[in-house]
Amino acid sequence: MRDAAATDPDIAALLEETDAERLDRMRHHAIFLHERGYLRSGVSVSEVTDVLWTCSSVELYDLLVGRRGWPLPRFADFLANLMIAELLPGQRHDEAADPQGST
């Protein structure tokens, strides 16, 4: 669809609309998680929205499953681990390397 959008204005508009709708849904999820206190300290609703939007993109699926041949269970585990590490409380790699948070 992205390839077709490069030459077809109607498809480009549809793609822009579906991306915006997906971003809005991910923002709704981010607000839900934030309001209930599920997120790690210091992560903004905007950052959560971006992470969820990226993780739900067809491009990421295409890269790992379509092009690199990842099995679906591996892809699902990757997404879950990525979102857990980035969004939920617990020790992240960068926090373990610098517990004071000064970079």
Protein backbone atom coordinates (compact mmCIF):
# COMPACT_ATOMS: atom_id res chain seq x y z
CA MET A 1 0.00 0.00 0.00
CA ARG A 2 2.86 2.39 0.81
CA ASP A 3 4.36 1.76 -2.62
CA ALA A 4 1.04 2.53 -4.29
CA ALA A 5 0.62 5.66 -2.15
CA ALA A 6 3.74 7.12 -3.74
CA THR A 7 1.94 7.43 -7.07
CA ASP A 8 -1.77 7.45 -6.20
CA PRO A 9 -3.09 10.45 -4.22
CA ASP A 10 -6.25 8.60 -3.15
CA ILE A 11 -4.25 5.74 -1.67
CA ALA A 12 -1.85 8.24 -0.08
CA ALA A 13 -4.80 9.98 1.61
CA LEU A 14 -6.21 6.65 2.80
CA LEU A 15 -2.84 5.64 4.20
CA GLU A 16 -2.45 8.96 6.00
CA GLU A 17 -5.94 8.56 7.46
CA THR A 18 -5.34 5.00 8.68
CA ASP A 19 -1.99 5.98 10.22
CA ALA A 20 -3.66 8.90 12.03
CA GLU A 21 -6.46 6.64 13.28
CA ARG A 22 -3.95 4.09 14.55
CA LEU A 23 -2.00 6.86 16.30
CA ASP A 24 -5.21 8.07 17.95
CA ARG A 25 -6.02 4.53 19.16
CA MET A 26 -2.51 4.14 20.57
CA ARG A 27 -2.82 7.51 22.35
CA HIS A 28 -6.08 6.27 23.89
CA HIS A 29 -4.26 3.13 25.13
CA ALA A 30 -1.38 5.24 26.45
CA ILE A 31 -3.74 7.48 28.42
CA PHE A 32 -5.49 4.39 29.82
CA LEU A 33 -2.16 2.96 31.02
CA HIS A 34 -1.02 6.31 32.42
CA GLU A 35 -4.26 7.04 34.30
CA ARG A 36 -4.13 3.66 36.02
CA GLY A 37 -0.50 4.01 37.07
CA TYR A 38 0.77 1.06 35.04
CA LEU A 39 3.70 2.92 33.44
CA ARG A 40 7.20 3.31 34.78
CA SER A 41 8.11 6.66 36.27
CA GLY A 42 9.26 9.30 33.84
CA VAL A 43 7.67 7.92 30.69
CA SER A 44 5.28 10.38 29.05
CA VAL A 45 1.97 9.64 27.40
CA SER A 46 3.51 10.93 24.18
CA GLU A 47 6.41 8.47 24.41
CA VAL A 48 4.05 5.59 25.21
CA THR A 49 1.92 6.57 22.23
CA ASP A 50 4.96 6.52 19.96
CA VAL A 51 6.15 3.13 21.22
CA LEU A 52 2.70 1.57 20.81
CA TRP A 53 2.24 3.16 17.38
CA THR A 54 5.59 1.82 16.21
CA CYS A 55 4.98 -1.65 17.64
CA SER A 56 1.62 -1.82 15.87
CA SER A 57 3.01 -0.79 12.49
CA VAL A 58 2.81 -3.02 9.46
CA GLU A 59 6.36 -1.93 8.60
CA LEU A 60 7.82 -3.57 11.71
CA TYR A 61 5.89 -6.75 10.98
CA ASP A 62 7.04 -6.70 7.37
CA LEU A 63 10.69 -6.22 8.33
CA LEU A 64 10.88 -9.02 10.87
CA VAL A 65 8.27 -11.55 9.73
CA GLY A 66 8.03 -10.80 6.03
CA ARG A 67 11.64 -10.05 5.20
CA ARG A 68 13.62 -11.76 7.94
CA GLY A 69 11.36 -14.79 8.29
CA TRP A 70 10.65 -14.54 12.01
CA PRO A 71 7.94 -16.96 13.18
CA LEU A 72 4.85 -15.23 14.55
CA PRO A 73 5.39 -16.45 18.15
CA ARG A 74 8.92 -15.00 18.12
CA PHE A 75 7.62 -11.70 16.74
CA ALA A 76 4.89 -11.57 19.41
CA ASP A 77 7.43 -12.28 22.16
CA PHE A 78 9.72 -9.57 20.78
CA LEU A 79 6.92 -6.99 20.81
CA ALA A 80 5.82 -7.95 24.31
CA ASN A 81 9.36 -7.79 25.67
CA LEU A 82 10.03 -4.49 23.92
CA MET A 83 6.90 -2.86 25.31
CA ILE A 84 7.48 -4.27 28.80
CA ALA A 85 11.08 -3.01 28.85
CA GLU A 86 10.18 0.43 27.53
CA LEU A 87 6.93 1.13 29.33
CA LEU A 88 6.44 -0.85 32.52
CA PRO A 89 8.19 -0.47 35.88
CA GLY A 90 11.33 -2.50 36.38
CA GLN A 91 14.96 -2.29 35.57
CA ARG A 92 15.82 -1.26 32.03
CA HIS A 93 19.21 -1.84 30.41
CA ASP A 94 20.14 1.87 30.47
CA GLU A 95 19.08 2.17 34.12
CA ALA A 96 21.18 -0.85 35.08
CA ALA A 97 24.24 0.67 33.40
CA ASP A 98 23.73 4.03 35.13
CA PRO A 99 21.57 3.69 38.25
CA GLN A 100 21.75 7.45 38.91
CA GLY A 101 20.21 8.20 35.54
CA SER A 102 22.93 10.65 34.54
CA THR A 103 23.99 10.27 30.95
